[in-house]
Amino acid sequence: MSMTEMERRKAEKELSATLKRSLNEAQLATLQGLEHFGWELKFVRRKPFQPSVPVVFDGDRKKFAVLEEDGSLNENPGFEIRQ
């Protein structure tokens, strides 16, 4: 593995840890279960005066879903993700 690859992986882990800090206990528990199936927290959508919206993608990056406040997985969140 090259030094560039190692640096990129370290940056990805740090970003993931930063994103996870914005999740509540229920969302973290759901995410941990999803990670066993290859799902990954990709970003947290933040709009002023609205709750944060954590977005997860499956391992193939063909499907996405939202982790709701109660920890449930919403596979039809009502918005599209740009490719």
PDB file of N, CA and C in Angstrom:
ATOM      1  N   MET A   1       0.850  -1.173   0.000  1.00  0.00           N
ATOM      2  CA  MET A   1       0.000   0.000   0.000  1.00  0.00           C
ATOM      3  C   MET A   1       0.898   1.240   0.000  1.00  0.00           C
ATOM      4  N   SER A   2       0.582   2.189  -0.868  1.00  0.00           N
ATOM      5  CA  SER A   2       1.399   3.391  -0.967  1.00  0.00           C
ATOM      6  C   SER A   2       1.066   4.366   0.164  1.00  0.00           C
ATOM      7  N   MET A   3       1.950   5.312   0.356  1.00  0.00           N
ATOM      8  CA  MET A   3       1.755   6.315   1.398  1.00  0.00           C
ATOM      9  C   MET A   3       0.502   7.152   1.125  1.00  0.00           C
ATOM     10  N   THR A   4       0.233   7.447  -0.134  1.00  0.00           N
ATOM     11  CA  THR A   4      -0.960   8.216  -0.498  1.00  0.00           C
ATOM     12  C   THR A   4      -2.234   7.470  -0.118  1.00  0.00           C
ATOM     13  N   GLU A   5      -2.273   6.161  -0.378  1.00  0.00           N
ATOM     14  CA  GLU A   5      -3.442   5.358  -0.015  1.00  0.00           C
ATOM     15  C   GLU A   5      -3.637   5.332   1.493  1.00  0.00           C
ATOM     16  N   MET A   6      -2.543   5.204   2.229  1.00  0.00           N
ATOM     17  CA  MET A   6      -2.630   5.177   3.688  1.00  0.00           C
ATOM     18  C   MET A   6      -3.161   6.506   4.221  1.00  0.00           C
ATOM     19  N   GLU A   7      -2.698   7.613   3.649  1.00  0.00           N
ATOM     20  CA  GLU A   7      -3.157   8.933   4.072  1.00  0.00           C
ATOM     21  C   GLU A   7      -4.638   9.112   3.766  1.00  0.00           C
ATOM     22  N   ARG A   8      -5.073   8.629   2.584  1.00  0.00           N
ATOM     23  CA  ARG A   8      -6.480   8.749   2.200  1.00  0.00           C
ATOM     24  C   ARG A   8      -7.361   7.955   3.148  1.00  0.00           C
ATOM     25  N   ARG A   9      -6.953   6.743   3.484  1.00  0.00           N
ATOM     26  CA  ARG A   9      -7.743   5.915   4.404  1.00  0.00           C
ATOM     27  C   ARG A   9      -7.820   6.544   5.787  1.00  0.00           C
ATOM     28  N   LYS A  10      -6.736   7.128   6.235  1.00  0.00           N
ATOM     29  CA  LYS A  10      -6.732   7.796   7.542  1.00  0.00           C
ATOM     30  C   LYS A  10      -7.709   8.972   7.518  1.00  0.00           C
ATOM     31  N   ALA A  11      -7.701   9.745   6.445  1.00  0.00           N
ATOM     32  CA  ALA A  11      -8.615  10.886   6.321  1.00  0.00           C
ATOM     33  C   ALA A  11     -10.068  10.418   6.292  1.00  0.00           C
ATOM     34  N   GLU A  12     -10.338   9.293   5.610  1.00  0.00           N
ATOM     35  CA  GLU A  12     -11.701   8.757   5.550  1.00  0.00           C
ATOM     36  C   GLU A  12     -12.170   8.321   6.940  1.00  0.00           C
ATOM     37  N   LYS A  13     -11.299   7.684   7.715  1.00  0.00           N
ATOM     38  CA  LYS A  13     -11.659   7.252   9.066  1.00  0.00           C
ATOM     39  C   LYS A  13     -11.937   8.448   9.962  1.00  0.00           C
ATOM     40  N   GLU A  14     -11.127   9.504   9.835  1.00  0.00           N
ATOM     41  CA  GLU A  14     -11.333  10.704  10.638  1.00  0.00           C
ATOM     42  C   GLU A  14     -12.652  11.374  10.275  1.00  0.00           C
ATOM     43  N   LEU A  15     -12.985  11.442   8.990  1.00  0.00           N
ATOM     44  CA  LEU A  15     -14.243  12.024   8.543  1.00  0.00           C
ATOM     45  C   LEU A  15     -15.412  11.221   9.079  1.00  0.00           C
ATOM     46  N   SER A  16     -15.321   9.900   8.995  1.00  0.00           N
ATOM     47  CA  SER A  16     -16.381   9.032   9.494  1.00  0.00           C
ATOM     48  C   SER A  16     -16.605   9.250  10.985  1.00  0.00           C
ATOM     49  N   ALA A  17     -15.532   9.339  11.752  1.00  0.00           N
ATOM     50  CA  ALA A  17     -15.637   9.559  13.199  1.00  0.00           C
ATOM     51  C   ALA A  17     -16.288  10.907  13.486  1.00  0.00           C
ATOM     52  N   THR A  18     -15.940  11.920  12.713  1.00  0.00           N
ATOM     53  CA  THR A  18     -16.531  13.247  12.891  1.00  0.00           C
ATOM     54  C   THR A  18     -18.025  13.211  12.603  1.00  0.00           C
ATOM     55  N   LEU A  19     -18.428  12.544  11.528  1.00  0.00           N
ATOM     56  CA  LEU A  19     -19.845  12.444  11.175  1.00  0.00           C
ATOM     57  C   LEU A  19     -20.625  11.692  12.252  1.00  0.00           C
ATOM     58  N   LYS A  20     -20.046  10.621  12.769  1.00  0.00           N
ATOM     59  CA  LYS A  20     -20.728   9.804  13.769  1.00  0.00           C
ATOM     60  C   LYS A  20     -21.000  10.576  15.058  1.00  0.00           C
ATOM     61  N   ARG A  21     -20.194  11.590  15.354  1.00  0.00           N
ATOM     62  CA  ARG A  21     -20.407  12.392  16.568  1.00  0.00           C
ATOM     63  C   ARG A  21     -21.734  13.133  16.550  1.00  0.00           C
ATOM     64  N   SER A  22     -22.295  13.346  15.367  1.00  0.00           N
ATOM     65  CA  SER A  22     -23.560  14.079  15.280  1.00  0.00           C
ATOM     66  C   SER A  22     -24.779  13.167  15.417  1.00  0.00           C
ATOM     67  N   LEU A  23     -24.555  11.844  15.540  1.00  0.00           N
ATOM     68  CA  LEU A  23     -25.661  10.889  15.652  1.00  0.00           C
ATOM     69  C   LEU A  23     -26.045  10.672  17.111  1.00  0.00           C
ATOM     70  N   ASN A  24     -27.323  10.369  17.333  1.00  0.00           N
ATOM     71  CA  ASN A  24     -27.763  10.024  18.685  1.00  0.00           C
ATOM     72  C   ASN A  24     -27.569   8.523  18.912  1.00  0.00           C
ATOM     73  N   GLU A  25     -27.880   8.058  20.113  1.00  0.00           N
ATOM     74  CA  GLU A  25     -27.664   6.645  20.470  1.00  0.00           C
ATOM     75  C   GLU A  25     -28.408   5.685  19.541  1.00  0.00           C
ATOM     76  N   ALA A  26     -29.668   5.984  19.252  1.00  0.00           N
ATOM     77  CA  ALA A  26     -30.478   5.102  18.400  1.00  0.00           C
ATOM     78  C   ALA A  26     -29.909   5.030  16.988  1.00  0.00           C
ATOM     79  N   GLN A  27     -29.493   6.176  16.459  1.00  0.00           N
ATOM     80  CA  GLN A  27     -28.922   6.207  15.111  1.00  0.00           C
ATOM     81  C   GLN A  27     -27.594   5.445  15.066  1.00  0.00           C
ATOM     82  N   LEU A  28     -26.775   5.604  16.101  1.00  0.00           N
ATOM     83  CA  LEU A  28     -25.504   4.886  16.153  1.00  0.00           C
ATOM     84  C   LEU A  28     -25.716   3.377  16.202  1.00  0.00           C
ATOM     85  N   ALA A  29     -26.693   2.943  16.981  1.00  0.00           N
ATOM     86  CA  ALA A  29     -26.976   1.507  17.078  1.00  0.00           C
ATOM     87  C   ALA A  29     -27.399   0.950  15.725  1.00  0.00           C
ATOM     88  N   THR A  30     -28.259   1.667  15.021  1.00  0.00           N
ATOM     89  CA  THR A  30     -28.690   1.222  13.690  1.00  0.00           C
ATOM     90  C   THR A  30     -27.514   1.205  12.726  1.00  0.00           C
ATOM     91  N   LEU A  31     -26.701   2.252  12.758  1.00  0.00           N
ATOM     92  CA  LEU A  31     -25.547   2.333  11.872  1.00  0.00           C
ATOM     93  C   LEU A  31     -24.591   1.171  12.110  1.00  0.00           C
ATOM     94  N   GLN A  32     -24.347   0.837  13.349  1.00  0.00           N
ATOM     95  CA  GLN A  32     -23.439  -0.280  13.651  1.00  0.00           C
ATOM     96  C   GLN A  32     -23.959  -1.580  13.050  1.00  0.00           C
ATOM     97  N   GLY A  33     -25.258  -1.795  13.122  1.00  0.00           N
ATOM     98  CA  GLY A  33     -25.841  -2.983  12.497  1.00  0.00           C
ATOM     99  C   GLY A  33     -25.706  -2.950  10.985  1.00  0.00           C
ATOM    100  N   LEU A  34     -25.947  -1.796  10.391  1.00  0.00           N
ATOM    101  CA  LEU A  34     -25.851  -1.663   8.934  1.00  0.00           C
ATOM    102  C   LEU A  34     -24.424  -1.856   8.437  1.00  0.00           C
ATOM    103  N   GLU A  35     -23.450  -1.407   9.219  1.00  0.00           N
ATOM    104  CA  GLU A  35     -22.051  -1.526   8.804  1.00  0.00           C
ATOM    105  C   GLU A  35     -21.637  -2.988   8.615  1.00  0.00           C
ATOM    106  N   HIS A  36     -22.277  -3.894   9.332  1.00  0.00           N
ATOM    107  CA  HIS A  36     -21.980  -5.322   9.162  1.00  0.00           C
ATOM    108  C   HIS A  36     -22.401  -5.818   7.779  1.00  0.00           C
ATOM    109  N   PHE A  37     -23.302  -5.084   7.130  1.00  0.00           N
ATOM    110  CA  PHE A  37     -23.783  -5.460   5.797  1.00  0.00           C
ATOM    111  C   PHE A  37     -23.203  -4.558   4.707  1.00  0.00           C
ATOM    112  N   GLY A  38     -22.166  -3.791   5.052  1.00  0.00           N
ATOM    113  CA  GLY A  38     -21.482  -2.969   4.063  1.00  0.00           C
ATOM    114  C   GLY A  38     -21.999  -1.553   3.908  1.00  0.00           C
ATOM    115  N   TRP A  39     -23.025  -1.178   4.681  1.00  0.00           N
ATOM    116  CA  TRP A  39     -23.532   0.190   4.598  1.00  0.00           C
ATOM    117  C   TRP A  39     -22.542   1.140   5.273  1.00  0.00           C
ATOM    118  N   GLU A  40     -22.579   2.412   4.839  1.00  0.00           N
ATOM    119  CA  GLU A  40     -21.607   3.390   5.319  1.00  0.00           C
ATOM    120  C   GLU A  40     -22.267   4.760   5.448  1.00  0.00           C
ATOM    121  N   LEU A  41     -21.962   5.463   6.527  1.00  0.00           N
ATOM    122  CA  LEU A  41     -22.429   6.838   6.699  1.00  0.00           C
ATOM    123  C   LEU A  41     -21.600   7.713   5.779  1.00  0.00           C
ATOM    124  N   LYS A  42     -22.248   8.372   4.824  1.00  0.00           N
ATOM    125  CA  LYS A  42     -21.525   9.164   3.833  1.00  0.00           C
ATOM    126  C   LYS A  42     -21.515  10.655   4.147  1.00  0.00           C
ATOM    127  N   PHE A  43     -22.643  11.173   4.599  1.00  0.00           N
ATOM    128  CA  PHE A  43     -22.685  12.594   4.955  1.00  0.00           C
ATOM    129  C   PHE A  43     -23.887  12.847   5.844  1.00  0.00           C
ATOM    130  N   VAL A  44     -23.877  14.029   6.455  1.00  0.00           N
ATOM    131  CA  VAL A  44     -25.004  14.463   7.267  1.00  0.00           C
ATOM    132  C   VAL A  44     -25.491  15.773   6.667  1.00  0.00           C
ATOM    133  N   ARG A  45     -26.710  15.746   6.185  1.00  0.00           N
ATOM    134  CA  ARG A  45     -27.321  16.921   5.563  1.00  0.00           C
ATOM    135  C   ARG A  45     -27.791  17.853   6.680  1.00  0.00           C
ATOM    136  N   ARG A  46     -27.369  19.104   6.623  1.00  0.00           N
ATOM    137  CA  ARG A  46     -27.746  20.077   7.654  1.00  0.00           C
ATOM    138  C   ARG A  46     -28.373  21.300   6.991  1.00  0.00           C
ATOM    139  N   LYS A  47     -29.604  21.579   7.372  1.00  0.00           N
ATOM    140  CA  LYS A  47     -30.289  22.778   6.896  1.00  0.00           C
ATOM    141  C   LYS A  47     -30.609  23.637   8.106  1.00  0.00           C
ATOM    142  N   PRO A  48     -30.556  24.963   7.948  1.00  0.00           N
ATOM    143  CA  PRO A  48     -30.843  25.841   9.088  1.00  0.00           C
ATOM    144  C   PRO A  48     -32.237  25.570   9.677  1.00  0.00           C
ATOM    145  N   PHE A  49     -32.295  25.532  10.991  1.00  0.00           N
ATOM    146  CA  PHE A  49     -33.546  25.392  11.747  1.00  0.00           C
ATOM    147  C   PHE A  49     -34.264  24.063  11.505  1.00  0.00           C
ATOM    148  N   GLN A  50     -33.544  23.063  11.015  1.00  0.00           N
ATOM    149  CA  GLN A  50     -34.115  21.737  10.800  1.00  0.00           C
ATOM    150  C   GLN A  50     -33.167  20.698  11.399  1.00  0.00           C
ATOM    151  N   PRO A  51     -33.708  19.544  11.785  1.00  0.00           N
ATOM    152  CA  PRO A  51     -32.828  18.502  12.323  1.00  0.00           C
ATOM    153  C   PRO A  51     -31.841  17.996  11.264  1.00  0.00           C
ATOM    154  N   SER A  52     -30.688  17.527  11.711  1.00  0.00           N
ATOM    155  CA  SER A  52     -29.700  16.938  10.804  1.00  0.00           C
ATOM    156  C   SER A  52     -30.268  15.663  10.193  1.00  0.00           C
ATOM    157  N   VAL A  53     -29.816  15.355   8.976  1.00  0.00           N
ATOM    158  CA  VAL A  53     -30.294  14.170   8.267  1.00  0.00           C
ATOM    159  C   VAL A  53     -29.077  13.323   7.880  1.00  0.00           C
ATOM    160  N   PRO A  54     -28.777  12.257   8.665  1.00  0.00           N
ATOM    161  CA  PRO A  54     -27.663  11.377   8.320  1.00  0.00           C
ATOM    162  C   PRO A  54     -28.029  10.472   7.146  1.00  0.00           C
ATOM    163  N   VAL A  55     -27.166  10.431   6.126  1.00  0.00           N
ATOM    164  CA  VAL A  55     -27.432   9.654   4.919  1.00  0.00           C
ATOM    165  C   VAL A  55     -26.412   8.517   4.820  1.00  0.00           C
ATOM    166  N   VAL A  56     -26.922   7.301   4.652  1.00  0.00           N
ATOM    167  CA  VAL A  56     -26.080   6.106   4.523  1.00  0.00           C
ATOM    168  C   VAL A  56     -26.261   5.505   3.130  1.00  0.00           C
ATOM    169  N   PHE A  57     -25.204   4.860   2.659  1.00  0.00           N
ATOM    170  CA  PHE A  57     -25.227   4.191   1.356  1.00  0.00           C
ATOM    171  C   PHE A  57     -24.884   2.728   1.545  1.00  0.00           C
ATOM    172  N   ASP A  58     -25.459   1.877   0.696  1.00  0.00           N
ATOM    173  CA  ASP A  58     -25.102   0.461   0.727  1.00  0.00           C
ATOM    174  C   ASP A  58     -23.704   0.295   0.129  1.00  0.00           C
ATOM    175  N   GLY A  59     -23.145  -0.887   0.291  1.00  0.00           N
ATOM    176  CA  GLY A  59     -21.783  -1.151  -0.160  1.00  0.00           C
ATOM    177  C   GLY A  59     -21.571  -0.963  -1.645  1.00  0.00           C
ATOM    178  N   ASP A  60     -22.599  -1.177  -2.446  1.00  0.00           N
ATOM    179  CA  ASP A  60     -22.497  -1.014  -3.902  1.00  0.00           C
ATOM    180  C   ASP A  60     -22.793   0.408  -4.346  1.00  0.00           C
ATOM    181  N   ARG A  61     -23.199   1.240  -3.414  1.00  0.00           N
ATOM    182  CA  ARG A  61     -23.556   2.642  -3.677  1.00  0.00           C
ATOM    183  C   ARG A  61     -24.691   2.765  -4.696  1.00  0.00           C
ATOM    184  N   LYS A  62     -25.593   1.787  -4.651  1.00  0.00           N
ATOM    185  CA  LYS A  62     -26.753   1.818  -5.540  1.00  0.00           C
ATOM    186  C   LYS A  62     -27.987   2.311  -4.796  1.00  0.00           C
ATOM    187  N   LYS A  63     -27.985   2.155  -3.467  1.00  0.00           N
ATOM    188  CA  LYS A  63     -29.124   2.583  -2.659  1.00  0.00           C
ATOM    189  C   LYS A  63     -28.633   3.489  -1.537  1.00  0.00           C
ATOM    190  N   PHE A  64     -29.509   4.411  -1.144  1.00  0.00           N
ATOM    191  CA  PHE A  64     -29.210   5.236   0.012  1.00  0.00           C
ATOM    192  C   PHE A  64     -30.438   5.273   0.901  1.00  0.00           C
ATOM    193  N   ALA A  65     -30.212   5.663   2.134  1.00  0.00           N
ATOM    194  CA  ALA A  65     -31.307   5.763   3.095  1.00  0.00           C
ATOM    195  C   ALA A  65     -30.932   6.809   4.143  1.00  0.00           C
ATOM    196  N   VAL A  66     -31.925   7.200   4.925  1.00  0.00           N
ATOM    197  CA  VAL A  66     -31.737   8.177   5.994  1.00  0.00           C
ATOM    198  C   VAL A  66     -31.929   7.480   7.329  1.00  0.00           C
ATOM    199  N   LEU A  67     -31.068   7.815   8.279  1.00  0.00           N
ATOM    200  CA  LEU A  67     -31.230   7.335   9.654  1.00  0.00           C
ATOM    201  C   LEU A  67     -32.117   8.340  10.385  1.00  0.00           C
ATOM    202  N   GLU A  68     -33.319   7.931  10.719  1.00  0.00           N
ATOM    203  CA  GLU A  68     -34.259   8.817  11.398  1.00  0.00           C
ATOM    204  C   GLU A  68     -33.851   9.012  12.865  1.00  0.00           C
ATOM    205  N   GLU A  69     -34.416  10.019  13.512  1.00  0.00           N
ATOM    206  CA  GLU A  69     -34.104  10.333  14.908  1.00  0.00           C
ATOM    207  C   GLU A  69     -34.296   9.139  15.835  1.00  0.00           C
ATOM    208  N   ASP A  70     -35.312   8.309  15.561  1.00  0.00           N
ATOM    209  CA  ASP A  70     -35.603   7.153  16.419  1.00  0.00           C
ATOM    210  C   ASP A  70     -34.765   5.929  16.075  1.00  0.00           C
ATOM    211  N   GLY A  71     -33.830   6.073  15.123  1.00  0.00           N
ATOM    212  CA  GLY A  71     -32.968   4.972  14.732  1.00  0.00           C
ATOM    213  C   GLY A  71     -33.510   4.133  13.593  1.00  0.00           C
ATOM    214  N   SER A  72     -34.715   4.426  13.150  1.00  0.00           N
ATOM    215  CA  SER A  72     -35.272   3.654  12.027  1.00  0.00           C
ATOM    216  C   SER A  72     -34.595   4.068  10.721  1.00  0.00           C
ATOM    217  N   LEU A  73     -34.652   3.170   9.757  1.00  0.00           N
ATOM    218  CA  LEU A  73     -34.038   3.396   8.461  1.00  0.00           C
ATOM    219  C   LEU A  73     -35.127   3.776   7.468  1.00  0.00           C
ATOM    220  N   ASN A  74     -34.997   4.940   6.853  1.00  0.00           N
ATOM    221  CA  ASN A  74     -35.968   5.433   5.884  1.00  0.00           C
ATOM    222  C   ASN A  74     -35.352   5.310   4.495  1.00  0.00           C
ATOM    223  N   GLU A  75     -35.810   4.314   3.742  1.00  0.00           N
ATOM    224  CA  GLU A  75     -35.271   4.094   2.401  1.00  0.00           C
ATOM    225  C   GLU A  75     -35.983   4.918   1.332  1.00  0.00           C
ATOM    226  N   ASN A  76     -36.994   5.684   1.723  1.00  0.00           N
ATOM    227  CA  ASN A  76     -37.717   6.578   0.801  1.00  0.00           C
ATOM    228  C   ASN A  76     -37.839   7.954   1.449  1.00  0.00           C
ATOM    229  N   PRO A  77     -36.710   8.671   1.575  1.00  0.00           N
ATOM    230  CA  PRO A  77     -36.736   9.930   2.328  1.00  0.00           C
ATOM    231  C   PRO A  77     -37.402  11.114   1.634  1.00  0.00           C
ATOM    232  N   GLY A  78     -37.744  10.975   0.375  1.00  0.00           N
ATOM    233  CA  GLY A  78     -38.421  12.070  -0.318  1.00  0.00           C
ATOM    234  C   GLY A  78     -37.489  13.063  -0.977  1.00  0.00           C
ATOM    235  N   PHE A  79     -36.232  12.702  -1.158  1.00  0.00           N
ATOM    236  CA  PHE A  79     -35.314  13.547  -1.916  1.00  0.00           C
ATOM    237  C   PHE A  79     -34.358  12.649  -2.685  1.00  0.00           C
ATOM    238  N   GLU A  80     -33.726  13.224  -3.694  1.00  0.00           N
ATOM    239  CA  GLU A  80     -32.797  12.491  -4.545  1.00  0.00           C
ATOM    240  C   GLU A  80     -31.363  12.879  -4.196  1.00  0.00           C
ATOM    241  N   ILE A  81     -30.450  11.982  -4.490  1.00  0.00           N
ATOM    242  CA  ILE A  81     -29.020  12.254  -4.313  1.00  0.00           C
ATOM    243  C   ILE A  81     -28.397  12.370  -5.705  1.00  0.00           C
ATOM    244  N   ARG A  82     -27.617  13.419  -5.912  1.00  0.00           N
ATOM    245  CA  ARG A  82     -26.936  13.576  -7.205  1.00  0.00           C
ATOM    246  C   ARG A  82     -25.899  12.483  -7.378  1.00  0.00           C
ATOM    247  N   GLN A  83     -25.749  12.048  -8.605  1.00  0.00           N
ATOM    248  CA  GLN A  83     -24.739  11.025  -8.917  1.00  0.00           C
ATOM    249  C   GLN A  83     -23.393  11.643  -9.121  1.00  0.00           C
TER     250      GLN A  83
END
